[in-house]
């Protein structure tokens, strides 16, 4: 059973940056990875995702140009660099893993993912 642990969340002022990390208990070589977030009273939404080899990524329109997803399979870790943060980015951020043998593009549908971390809180406020 793959375990995922997110870290790097915290309180940041608008316009600031944070880098979230998602560390896995085992190899991520066969997993597409997604970052999701959930704000109070809202549904969980896809933020960004990355294919197995990192060759393709997707990002929600709301974060394009501000957030960058990357992965280091040698370290079993995926990152989400978040710049120019806005108050509306405030949420609990989760990483999730989707097992696949192929190199298909990732998806940002929560139901497609098999394993989830416990989440890390990101609060953007002055």
Foldseek 3Di string as FASTA:
>chain_A
DKAWAKDWADEAAAQAKIKIKIAIPDFLQQKKKWKWWDDPPDDIWTAKIAWNVRPDMDGDPVQPPFWDWDDDRVRRMIMIIGGRDDQVVWTWMKMFIAGDPDRDGDDTDVVRTDYIYPTDTHGYHD
